[in-house]
Amino acid sequence: MAVAGGLLTSAMIGGSVPVSGLLVDYPLLTGQSARYGLGAVLLALWALTTKAKIVRPKAQDLPALVAIVAVGMLGFNAFMIAAQRFAEPGLVAAVLGGSPLVLAAAAPLMAGRRPSARTLLGAAIVVAGVVILSGGGTWVGPGLLLAVLTMLCEAGFTLFAVRVVGRLVRQPPFGL
């Protein structure tokens, strides 16, 4: 079930890159507010209908949650939309596809361990597949830099969430 969820998430994020290019002229904060507001309503409805227990974040989670919002929700989307003003969606998707390699290297280092060669190799294969499937693309001006910032925000979102999610998993969230 976890693998299926991971695959679905990856497909959704990868599929959102070309669609996000359509939002270049849309007011960024208005769009993000509507998107995350709708997500919160749907999550609340799901929790009510399934009688799921939602664990309340603790004060110690606040810095990570603020970083998740700033980097993963606002930063990621702002950079992705801005990148598509200067780069083709294929390039943005190819660069974004590098996040598994960043995670494979950074996560163990944050835990005080060396990255596993096997994990790095697996991440490199995933990155190569994303680059091949997306086809790459061209950019002008800051397009490549904005695409890299998009990828770093995606990786940062995950890295900032690790401790919070780890705590919530020990206290089963959503009735799991």
N, C-alpha and C. Protein backbone atom coordinates (compact mmCIF):
# COMPACT_ATOMS: atom_id res chain seq x y z
N MET A 1 0.83 -1.19 0.00
CA MET A 1 0.00 0.00 0.00
C MET A 1 0.87 1.26 0.00
N ALA A 2 1.97 1.23 0.76
CA ALA A 2 2.87 2.39 0.81
C ALA A 2 3.52 2.64 -0.54
N VAL A 3 3.90 1.56 -1.23
CA VAL A 3 4.51 1.71 -2.56
C VAL A 3 3.51 2.31 -3.53
N ALA A 4 2.27 1.86 -3.48
CA ALA A 4 1.23 2.40 -4.36
C ALA A 4 1.01 3.88 -4.09
N GLY A 5 1.00 4.25 -2.82
CA GLY A 5 0.85 5.66 -2.46
C GLY A 5 2.02 6.50 -2.96
N GLY A 6 3.23 5.96 -2.84
CA GLY A 6 4.41 6.66 -3.34
C GLY A 6 4.37 6.83 -4.85
N LEU A 7 3.95 5.79 -5.55
CA LEU A 7 3.86 5.87 -7.01
C LEU A 7 2.80 6.88 -7.44
N LEU A 8 1.66 6.87 -6.76
CA LEU A 8 0.59 7.81 -7.08
C LEU A 8 1.06 9.24 -6.84
N THR A 9 1.72 9.47 -5.72
CA THR A 9 2.23 10.81 -5.41
C THR A 9 3.22 11.27 -6.46
N SER A 10 4.14 10.40 -6.85
CA SER A 10 5.13 10.77 -7.86
C SER A 10 4.47 11.10 -9.18
N ALA A 11 3.48 10.31 -9.56
CA ALA A 11 2.77 10.56 -10.82
C ALA A 11 2.03 11.89 -10.76
N MET A 12 1.43 12.19 -9.61
CA MET A 12 0.69 13.44 -9.48
C MET A 12 1.62 14.64 -9.56
N ILE A 13 2.77 14.56 -8.88
CA ILE A 13 3.71 15.68 -8.91
C ILE A 13 4.28 15.84 -10.30
N GLY A 14 4.70 14.74 -10.92
CA GLY A 14 5.24 14.82 -12.27
C GLY A 14 4.22 15.32 -13.27
N GLY A 15 3.00 14.89 -13.12
CA GLY A 15 1.94 15.33 -14.03
C GLY A 15 1.53 16.77 -13.81
N SER A 16 1.84 17.32 -12.64
CA SER A 16 1.45 18.70 -12.36
C SER A 16 2.35 19.71 -13.03
N VAL A 17 3.54 19.30 -13.46
CA VAL A 17 4.48 20.26 -14.04
C VAL A 17 3.91 20.90 -15.30
N PRO A 18 3.48 20.14 -16.31
CA PRO A 18 2.94 20.79 -17.51
C PRO A 18 1.67 21.58 -17.22
N VAL A 19 0.83 21.09 -16.32
CA VAL A 19 -0.41 21.79 -15.98
C VAL A 19 -0.10 23.11 -15.30
N SER A 20 0.93 23.14 -14.46
CA SER A 20 1.30 24.37 -13.76
C SER A 20 1.70 25.47 -14.72
N GLY A 21 2.20 25.10 -15.89
CA GLY A 21 2.55 26.09 -16.88
C GLY A 21 1.35 26.91 -17.33
N LEU A 22 0.16 26.36 -17.18
CA LEU A 22 -1.06 27.09 -17.54
C LEU A 22 -1.40 28.16 -16.52
N LEU A 23 -0.77 28.12 -15.35
CA LEU A 23 -1.08 29.04 -14.26
C LEU A 23 -0.13 30.23 -14.19
N VAL A 24 0.70 30.41 -15.21
CA VAL A 24 1.72 31.46 -15.18
C VAL A 24 1.11 32.83 -14.93
N ASP A 25 -0.04 33.12 -15.51
CA ASP A 25 -0.66 34.44 -15.37
C ASP A 25 -1.70 34.49 -14.25
N TYR A 26 -1.89 33.40 -13.52
CA TYR A 26 -2.88 33.36 -12.45
C TYR A 26 -2.26 33.93 -11.17
N PRO A 27 -3.01 34.68 -10.36
CA PRO A 27 -2.44 35.22 -9.11
C PRO A 27 -1.97 34.09 -8.19
N LEU A 28 -0.69 34.06 -7.90
CA LEU A 28 -0.06 32.94 -7.20
C LEU A 28 -0.69 32.68 -5.83
N LEU A 29 -0.74 33.68 -4.97
CA LEU A 29 -1.24 33.45 -3.61
C LEU A 29 -2.73 33.11 -3.59
N THR A 30 -3.50 33.69 -4.49
CA THR A 30 -4.92 33.36 -4.58
C THR A 30 -5.10 31.90 -4.96
N GLY A 31 -4.36 31.48 -5.96
CA GLY A 31 -4.44 30.09 -6.41
C GLY A 31 -4.01 29.11 -5.34
N GLN A 32 -2.90 29.41 -4.66
CA GLN A 32 -2.42 28.51 -3.62
C GLN A 32 -3.39 28.46 -2.45
N SER A 33 -3.96 29.61 -2.08
CA SER A 33 -4.92 29.64 -0.98
C SER A 33 -6.14 28.78 -1.31
N ALA A 34 -6.65 28.92 -2.52
CA ALA A 34 -7.81 28.13 -2.93
C ALA A 34 -7.46 26.65 -2.96
N ARG A 35 -6.30 26.32 -3.49
CA ARG A 35 -5.89 24.92 -3.61
C ARG A 35 -5.73 24.25 -2.25
N TYR A 36 -5.03 24.90 -1.34
CA TYR A 36 -4.80 24.29 -0.03
C TYR A 36 -6.04 24.38 0.86
N GLY A 37 -6.87 25.40 0.66
CA GLY A 37 -8.14 25.46 1.38
C GLY A 37 -9.05 24.31 1.00
N LEU A 38 -9.14 24.03 -0.30
CA LEU A 38 -9.93 22.90 -0.78
C LEU A 38 -9.37 21.59 -0.23
N GLY A 39 -8.05 21.46 -0.22
CA GLY A 39 -7.41 20.26 0.33
C GLY A 39 -7.75 20.07 1.80
N ALA A 40 -7.76 21.15 2.57
CA ALA A 40 -8.09 21.06 3.99
C ALA A 40 -9.54 20.63 4.20
N VAL A 41 -10.44 21.18 3.38
CA VAL A 41 -11.85 20.82 3.48
C VAL A 41 -12.03 19.34 3.14
N LEU A 42 -11.39 18.88 2.07
CA LEU A 42 -11.50 17.46 1.68
C LEU A 42 -10.91 16.54 2.75
N LEU A 43 -9.80 16.93 3.35
CA LEU A 43 -9.19 16.14 4.42
C LEU A 43 -10.12 16.09 5.64
N ALA A 44 -10.72 17.22 5.99
CA ALA A 44 -11.66 17.24 7.12
C ALA A 44 -12.87 16.37 6.85
N LEU A 45 -13.41 16.44 5.63
CA LEU A 45 -14.55 15.58 5.26
C LEU A 45 -14.17 14.10 5.32
N TRP A 46 -12.99 13.78 4.83
CA TRP A 46 -12.52 12.39 4.88
C TRP A 46 -12.41 11.93 6.33
N ALA A 47 -11.82 12.78 7.19
CA ALA A 47 -11.66 12.42 8.60
C ALA A 47 -13.02 12.23 9.28
N LEU A 48 -13.97 13.09 8.96
CA LEU A 48 -15.31 12.96 9.55
C LEU A 48 -16.01 11.68 9.08
N THR A 49 -15.93 11.39 7.80
CA THR A 49 -16.64 10.22 7.28
C THR A 49 -16.00 8.90 7.70
N THR A 50 -14.70 8.90 7.92
CA THR A 50 -14.02 7.67 8.33
C THR A 50 -13.81 7.61 9.84
N LYS A 51 -14.22 8.67 10.54
CA LYS A 51 -14.03 8.77 12.00
C LYS A 51 -12.56 8.61 12.37
N ALA A 52 -11.71 9.16 11.51
CA ALA A 52 -10.26 9.07 11.72
C ALA A 52 -9.84 10.03 12.83
N LYS A 53 -8.86 9.61 13.58
CA LYS A 53 -8.30 10.44 14.63
C LYS A 53 -7.18 11.28 14.02
N ILE A 54 -7.31 12.59 14.15
CA ILE A 54 -6.26 13.49 13.65
C ILE A 54 -5.44 13.94 14.85
N VAL A 55 -4.15 13.68 14.78
CA VAL A 55 -3.24 14.03 15.86
C VAL A 55 -2.88 15.51 15.75
N ARG A 56 -3.03 16.23 16.84
CA ARG A 56 -2.72 17.66 16.86
C ARG A 56 -1.21 17.85 16.91
N PRO A 57 -0.67 18.71 16.04
CA PRO A 57 0.78 18.98 16.10
C PRO A 57 1.14 19.63 17.42
N LYS A 58 2.36 19.39 17.87
CA LYS A 58 2.86 19.97 19.11
C LYS A 58 3.64 21.24 18.80
N ALA A 59 3.91 22.03 19.82
CA ALA A 59 4.67 23.27 19.65
C ALA A 59 6.03 23.00 19.03
N GLN A 60 6.64 21.87 19.37
CA GLN A 60 7.95 21.54 18.82
C GLN A 60 7.89 21.28 17.31
N ASP A 61 6.70 21.02 16.77
CA ASP A 61 6.52 20.79 15.34
C ASP A 61 6.41 22.09 14.55
N LEU A 62 6.15 23.20 15.23
CA LEU A 62 5.88 24.46 14.55
C LEU A 62 6.99 24.91 13.60
N PRO A 63 8.27 24.92 13.99
CA PRO A 63 9.30 25.35 13.03
C PRO A 63 9.32 24.49 11.76
N ALA A 64 9.19 23.19 11.91
CA ALA A 64 9.18 22.31 10.74
C ALA A 64 7.94 22.55 9.89
N LEU A 65 6.79 22.76 10.53
CA LEU A 65 5.56 22.99 9.77
C LEU A 65 5.62 24.32 9.00
N VAL A 66 6.21 25.34 9.62
CA VAL A 66 6.37 26.63 8.93
C VAL A 66 7.32 26.45 7.74
N ALA A 67 8.39 25.70 7.93
CA ALA A 67 9.33 25.44 6.83
C ALA A 67 8.67 24.63 5.72
N ILE A 68 7.84 23.67 6.09
CA ILE A 68 7.12 22.87 5.10
C ILE A 68 6.22 23.76 4.25
N VAL A 69 5.51 24.68 4.90
CA VAL A 69 4.62 25.58 4.17
C VAL A 69 5.43 26.53 3.28
N ALA A 70 6.47 27.14 3.86
CA ALA A 70 7.25 28.13 3.11
C ALA A 70 8.01 27.51 1.94
N VAL A 71 8.66 26.38 2.19
CA VAL A 71 9.50 25.77 1.17
C VAL A 71 8.70 24.84 0.27
N GLY A 72 7.93 23.96 0.88
CA GLY A 72 7.27 22.92 0.10
C GLY A 72 5.99 23.33 -0.57
N MET A 73 5.25 24.20 0.05
CA MET A 73 3.97 24.57 -0.54
C MET A 73 4.09 25.87 -1.34
N LEU A 74 4.57 26.91 -0.71
CA LEU A 74 4.67 28.19 -1.42
C LEU A 74 5.88 28.25 -2.34
N GLY A 75 7.06 27.94 -1.81
CA GLY A 75 8.28 28.02 -2.60
C GLY A 75 8.25 27.12 -3.81
N PHE A 76 7.90 25.86 -3.60
CA PHE A 76 7.85 24.90 -4.69
C PHE A 76 6.95 25.38 -5.82
N ASN A 77 5.73 25.76 -5.48
CA ASN A 77 4.77 26.17 -6.50
C ASN A 77 5.16 27.49 -7.16
N ALA A 78 5.66 28.44 -6.38
CA ALA A 78 6.08 29.72 -6.95
C ALA A 78 7.24 29.53 -7.92
N PHE A 79 8.24 28.74 -7.52
CA PHE A 79 9.38 28.51 -8.40
C PHE A 79 8.99 27.71 -9.64
N MET A 80 8.11 26.73 -9.47
CA MET A 80 7.71 25.91 -10.61
C MET A 80 6.97 26.76 -11.65
N ILE A 81 6.07 27.61 -11.19
CA ILE A 81 5.33 28.46 -12.11
C ILE A 81 6.27 29.48 -12.76
N ALA A 82 7.15 30.08 -11.96
CA ALA A 82 8.11 31.05 -12.50
C ALA A 82 9.07 30.39 -13.48
N ALA A 83 9.51 29.17 -13.18
CA ALA A 83 10.44 28.46 -14.06
C ALA A 83 9.83 28.27 -15.44
N GLN A 84 8.53 28.05 -15.49
CA GLN A 84 7.89 27.78 -16.78
C GLN A 84 7.69 29.05 -17.61
N ARG A 85 8.00 30.19 -17.04
CA ARG A 85 8.03 31.41 -17.84
C ARG A 85 9.31 31.45 -18.69
N PHE A 86 10.33 30.74 -18.23
CA PHE A 86 11.64 30.80 -18.87
C PHE A 86 12.15 29.45 -19.36
N ALA A 87 11.40 28.39 -19.11
CA ALA A 87 11.86 27.05 -19.49
C ALA A 87 10.67 26.20 -19.93
N GLU A 88 10.95 25.25 -20.79
CA GLU A 88 9.92 24.31 -21.22
C GLU A 88 9.57 23.37 -20.07
N PRO A 89 8.31 22.90 -20.01
CA PRO A 89 7.90 21.99 -18.94
C PRO A 89 8.78 20.73 -18.85
N GLY A 90 9.25 20.23 -19.98
CA GLY A 90 10.12 19.05 -19.96
C GLY A 90 11.40 19.28 -19.19
N LEU A 91 11.96 20.47 -19.31
CA LEU A 91 13.18 20.78 -18.56
C LEU A 91 12.88 20.86 -17.06
N VAL A 92 11.79 21.54 -16.72
CA VAL A 92 11.42 21.67 -15.30
C VAL A 92 11.16 20.28 -14.72
N ALA A 93 10.46 19.43 -15.45
CA ALA A 93 10.19 18.07 -14.98
C ALA A 93 11.48 17.27 -14.84
N ALA A 94 12.40 17.42 -15.79
CA ALA A 94 13.66 16.68 -15.73
C ALA A 94 14.48 17.09 -14.51
N VAL A 95 14.54 18.39 -14.25
CA VAL A 95 15.30 18.86 -13.09
C VAL A 95 14.59 18.46 -11.81
N LEU A 96 13.27 18.59 -11.77
CA LEU A 96 12.49 18.18 -10.60
C LEU A 96 12.69 16.70 -10.31
N GLY A 97 12.86 15.92 -11.35
CA GLY A 97 13.11 14.49 -11.20
C GLY A 97 14.41 14.17 -10.48
N GLY A 98 15.26 15.16 -10.28
CA GLY A 98 16.50 14.96 -9.54
C GLY A 98 16.32 14.89 -8.04
N SER A 99 15.12 15.20 -7.55
CA SER A 99 14.92 15.22 -6.09
C SER A 99 15.17 13.87 -5.41
N PRO A 100 14.89 12.72 -6.02
CA PRO A 100 15.22 11.47 -5.33
C PRO A 100 16.72 11.33 -5.04
N LEU A 101 17.55 11.84 -5.93
CA LEU A 101 19.00 11.77 -5.70
C LEU A 101 19.41 12.68 -4.54
N VAL A 102 18.81 13.87 -4.48
CA VAL A 102 19.09 14.78 -3.37
C VAL A 102 18.64 14.13 -2.05
N LEU A 103 17.46 13.53 -2.05
CA LEU A 103 16.95 12.88 -0.84
C LEU A 103 17.81 11.69 -0.43
N ALA A 104 18.25 10.90 -1.41
CA ALA A 104 19.07 9.72 -1.12
C ALA A 104 20.40 10.12 -0.49
N ALA A 105 20.89 11.29 -0.84
CA ALA A 105 22.16 11.77 -0.27
C ALA A 105 21.94 12.53 1.03
N ALA A 106 20.95 13.41 1.07
CA ALA A 106 20.78 14.31 2.22
C ALA A 106 20.17 13.63 3.44
N ALA A 107 19.19 12.77 3.25
CA ALA A 107 18.51 12.17 4.40
C ALA A 107 19.46 11.39 5.31
N PRO A 108 20.30 10.52 4.77
CA PRO A 108 21.24 9.82 5.66
C PRO A 108 22.23 10.78 6.33
N LEU A 109 22.68 11.79 5.59
CA LEU A 109 23.61 12.76 6.18
C LEU A 109 22.97 13.50 7.35
N MET A 110 21.68 13.83 7.22
CA MET A 110 20.97 14.50 8.32
C MET A 110 20.86 13.59 9.54
N ALA A 111 20.84 12.29 9.33
CA ALA A 111 20.75 11.32 10.43
C ALA A 111 22.13 10.90 10.93
N GLY A 112 23.19 11.53 10.39
CA GLY A 112 24.54 11.21 10.84
C GLY A 112 25.11 9.94 10.23
N ARG A 113 24.55 9.51 9.11
CA ARG A 113 25.02 8.29 8.44
C ARG A 113 25.53 8.64 7.05
N ARG A 114 26.29 7.71 6.49
CA ARG A 114 26.73 7.85 5.11
C ARG A 114 25.62 7.35 4.19
N PRO A 115 25.45 8.01 3.05
CA PRO A 115 24.45 7.51 2.09
C PRO A 115 24.85 6.12 1.58
N SER A 116 23.87 5.28 1.38
CA SER A 116 24.08 3.94 0.87
C SER A 116 24.33 3.99 -0.64
N ALA A 117 25.34 3.26 -1.08
CA ALA A 117 25.64 3.21 -2.52
C ALA A 117 24.45 2.62 -3.28
N ARG A 118 23.81 1.64 -2.71
CA ARG A 118 22.65 1.01 -3.35
C ARG A 118 21.50 2.01 -3.52
N THR A 119 21.25 2.79 -2.48
CA THR A 119 20.18 3.78 -2.54
C THR A 119 20.53 4.88 -3.54
N LEU A 120 21.77 5.33 -3.54
CA LEU A 120 22.20 6.35 -4.49
C LEU A 120 22.07 5.84 -5.93
N LEU A 121 22.45 4.59 -6.15
CA LEU A 121 22.33 4.01 -7.49
C LEU A 121 20.86 3.92 -7.91
N GLY A 122 20.00 3.47 -7.00
CA GLY A 122 18.58 3.40 -7.31
C GLY A 122 18.01 4.77 -7.63
N ALA A 123 18.39 5.78 -6.85
CA ALA A 123 17.92 7.14 -7.10
C ALA A 123 18.43 7.66 -8.43
N ALA A 124 19.68 7.35 -8.76
CA ALA A 124 20.24 7.78 -10.04
C ALA A 124 19.50 7.14 -11.21
N ILE A 125 19.09 5.91 -11.05
CA ILE A 125 18.32 5.23 -12.11
C ILE A 125 16.95 5.91 -12.27
N VAL A 126 16.33 6.24 -11.16
CA VAL A 126 15.04 6.95 -11.21
C VAL A 126 15.21 8.30 -11.92
N VAL A 127 16.25 9.02 -11.55
CA VAL A 127 16.51 10.33 -12.18
C VAL A 127 16.72 10.17 -13.68
N ALA A 128 17.51 9.18 -14.07
CA ALA A 128 17.74 8.93 -15.50
C ALA A 128 16.43 8.63 -16.21
N GLY A 129 15.57 7.84 -15.59
CA GLY A 129 14.27 7.54 -16.18
C GLY A 129 13.41 8.78 -16.35
N VAL A 130 13.41 9.64 -15.35
CA VAL A 130 12.62 10.87 -15.44
C VAL A 130 13.15 11.75 -16.57
N VAL A 131 14.46 11.87 -16.67
CA VAL A 131 15.05 12.70 -17.72
C VAL A 131 14.69 12.14 -19.09
N ILE A 132 14.77 10.83 -19.24
CA ILE A 132 14.42 10.21 -20.53
C ILE A 132 12.95 10.41 -20.85
N LEU A 133 12.08 10.19 -19.87
CA LEU A 133 10.64 10.32 -20.10
C LEU A 133 10.20 11.76 -20.35
N SER A 134 10.82 12.71 -19.64
CA SER A 134 10.41 14.11 -19.80
C SER A 134 10.97 14.72 -21.07
N GLY A 135 12.07 14.19 -21.56
CA GLY A 135 12.65 14.70 -22.79
C GLY A 135 13.48 15.95 -22.61
N GLY A 136 13.56 16.46 -21.40
CA GLY A 136 14.35 17.68 -21.19
C GLY A 136 13.70 18.86 -21.87
N GLY A 137 14.50 19.80 -22.27
CA GLY A 137 13.95 20.99 -22.92
C GLY A 137 14.94 22.13 -22.84
N THR A 138 14.51 23.26 -23.30
CA THR A 138 15.39 24.43 -23.31
C THR A 138 14.93 25.45 -22.29
N TRP A 139 15.79 26.42 -22.07
CA TRP A 139 15.46 27.50 -21.16
C TRP A 139 16.15 28.77 -21.63
N VAL A 140 15.68 29.88 -21.12
CA VAL A 140 16.33 31.16 -21.33
C VAL A 140 16.47 31.83 -19.97
N GLY A 141 17.41 32.72 -19.87
CA GLY A 141 17.60 33.48 -18.64
C GLY A 141 17.65 32.61 -17.40
N PRO A 142 16.81 32.91 -16.41
CA PRO A 142 16.86 32.19 -15.13
C PRO A 142 16.10 30.87 -15.11
N GLY A 143 15.68 30.36 -16.26
CA GLY A 143 14.86 29.15 -16.30
C GLY A 143 15.48 27.96 -15.60
N LEU A 144 16.75 27.68 -15.86
CA LEU A 144 17.41 26.54 -15.23
C LEU A 144 17.54 26.75 -13.72
N LEU A 145 17.94 27.94 -13.30
CA LEU A 145 18.06 28.23 -11.87
C LEU A 145 16.71 28.07 -11.17
N LEU A 146 15.64 28.56 -11.77
CA LEU A 146 14.31 28.42 -11.17
C LEU A 146 13.89 26.96 -11.10
N ALA A 147 14.25 26.16 -12.11
CA ALA A 147 13.94 24.73 -12.09
C ALA A 147 14.70 24.04 -10.97
N VAL A 148 15.97 24.40 -10.77
CA VAL A 148 16.77 23.82 -9.68
C VAL A 148 16.17 24.22 -8.33
N LEU A 149 15.75 25.47 -8.19
CA LEU A 149 15.12 25.90 -6.93
C LEU A 149 13.82 25.14 -6.68
N THR A 150 13.07 24.85 -7.74
CA THR A 150 11.86 24.04 -7.62
C THR A 150 12.21 22.66 -7.05
N MET A 151 13.25 22.05 -7.60
CA MET A 151 13.66 20.72 -7.14
C MET A 151 14.15 20.76 -5.69
N LEU A 152 14.90 21.79 -5.33
CA LEU A 152 15.39 21.90 -3.95
C LEU A 152 14.24 22.11 -2.97
N CYS A 153 13.22 22.84 -3.39
CA CYS A 153 12.04 23.01 -2.54
C CYS A 153 11.30 21.69 -2.36
N GLU A 154 11.20 20.91 -3.44
CA GLU A 154 10.54 19.60 -3.34
C GLU A 154 11.30 18.71 -2.35
N ALA A 155 12.62 18.68 -2.46
CA ALA A 155 13.42 17.86 -1.54
C ALA A 155 13.33 18.42 -0.12
N GLY A 156 13.37 19.74 0.01
CA GLY A 156 13.28 20.37 1.33
C GLY A 156 11.97 20.06 2.02
N PHE A 157 10.89 20.06 1.25
CA PHE A 157 9.57 19.72 1.80
C PHE A 157 9.63 18.36 2.50
N THR A 158 10.20 17.39 1.82
CA THR A 158 10.30 16.04 2.39
C THR A 158 11.22 16.02 3.60
N LEU A 159 12.37 16.66 3.49
CA LEU A 159 13.34 16.63 4.59
C LEU A 159 12.81 17.34 5.83
N PHE A 160 12.09 18.45 5.66
CA PHE A 160 11.52 19.14 6.82
C PHE A 160 10.39 18.32 7.45
N ALA A 161 9.72 17.50 6.66
CA ALA A 161 8.58 16.73 7.16
C ALA A 161 8.97 15.46 7.90
N VAL A 162 10.21 15.00 7.74
CA VAL A 162 10.61 13.70 8.27
C VAL A 162 10.35 13.57 9.77
N ARG A 163 10.79 14.52 10.56
CA ARG A 163 10.62 14.39 12.02
C ARG A 163 9.17 14.50 12.45
N VAL A 164 8.43 15.43 11.83
CA VAL A 164 7.02 15.60 12.19
C VAL A 164 6.25 14.33 11.84
N VAL A 165 6.45 13.84 10.63
CA VAL A 165 5.75 12.62 10.21
C VAL A 165 6.17 11.44 11.09
N GLY A 166 7.45 11.37 11.41
CA GLY A 166 7.94 10.30 12.29
C GLY A 166 7.24 10.30 13.64
N ARG A 167 7.03 11.49 14.20
CA ARG A 167 6.33 11.59 15.48
C ARG A 167 4.86 11.21 15.32
N LEU A 168 4.25 11.66 14.25
CA LEU A 168 2.83 11.36 14.05
C LEU A 168 2.60 9.89 13.74
N VAL A 169 3.56 9.24 13.10
CA VAL A 169 3.42 7.82 12.81
C VAL A 169 3.51 7.00 14.09
N ARG A 170 4.36 7.44 15.02
CA ARG A 170 4.44 6.74 16.31
C ARG A 170 3.12 6.89 17.08
N GLN A 171 2.42 8.00 16.83
CA GLN A 171 1.08 8.18 17.38
C GLN A 171 0.17 8.07 16.17
N PRO A 172 -0.31 6.91 15.83
CA PRO A 172 -0.97 6.66 14.54
C PRO A 172 -1.94 7.76 14.13
N PRO A 173 -1.63 8.45 13.01
CA PRO A 173 -2.55 9.49 12.53
C PRO A 173 -3.69 8.90 11.73
N PHE A 174 -4.77 9.61 11.64
CA PHE A 174 -5.90 9.26 10.78
C PHE A 174 -6.40 7.85 11.05
N GLY A 175 -6.31 7.40 12.28
CA GLY A 175 -6.89 6.10 12.63
C GLY A 175 -6.16 4.91 12.09
N LEU A 176 -4.92 5.09 11.63
CA LEU A 176 -4.16 3.95 11.08
C LEU A 176 -3.57 3.10 12.18
